[in-house]
Amino acid sequence: MWRTWEGESERWLSTTAADRPADRIIDCLAYFGRRPKGGPSITPGELRRGLEQCGVERCAALSLRGVYYDFREGNLETLKASRDDSFIIPAATLDPRRFYGKADEELGLSNYRIMRVFPEVQGWPVDFAPFEKILQRAAAAGLPVMAPAQGLGNATKLVRSAEKLGLTTVLTTVNYSNLSEVLALLSDNDGLIVCIDMLNTPDGIELITDEFGPERLVFGSNFPDTYFHGPLIAVQRAEISSIAKGKILRENAARLLGIE
């Protein structure tokens, strides 16, 4: 039996009134569907209901079918979900292990707002010729690319490859173990943005805000896989201005995704 989100809603949404944000949020990091082994299974409708309870206005999401099974089928599911409900901002994904260089129009990337890649899940290196072709497709479509910062040195390779193409890169899974690498990249790459989904280093949000400006941060929860209020509380409690918090929670994502 697949474990459903509805059956465990309290785990992901246990909040108090004080926890709930006063401002609306755009979440850059969410998904729907099911994983092949364990984890919550969630429909687009359940995703919306769950995130709306947390104060989310819209979210960039994709179907997990595109990550674990077939990126073409997954992208079509994502596109359908976004057309059925504008709450979902469509995120595309391509798997370089199965990417054979089709033309942009065949991929339909112009229908999406951001591209996400999953080297840590699919087991491919970032210095991989098919992935370079995918970055070229993203650049041609004008899509920012979201990728994990896991594995020391991987973020450096990815960001430098993307920079050559004029791509905006959004790094997820930034935490205490890779923060020094990400800070060095931020200082050298104006097109780099950090998603705060795992930015759990004390004063991490303040440090990036003070050094590079709040414009270099976007909110992402990785809902429903992780607890939504972890990154939200990190922003709420950060010693930065309310204007900076508003940029992180909504304005930067709206600009990144082209929905202003």
Foldseek 3Di string as FASTA:
>chain_A
DAAACVVVVCVQQVDDPVLADPAEFEAAAEEAADDPDHDHHHDLVRVVVSVVSRRYQAYAYWYCCLVHPNQQVGQVVQLVSCVVPVSYQYEGEDDLVPDDQDDLVVSVCLSHQAYEYECPRVPDACPDVSNLSVLLSCLVSVHAYEYEPPDPPRVVSNQVSNVVSVHQYEYEPDEPVCVVVVVVVVVVGVSYAYEQQPHPPVCSQVVCCVPPNLLRYAYHNHPPRDHRSPSVVVLVPHPDDPVSSCCRRHVSVCVSRVND
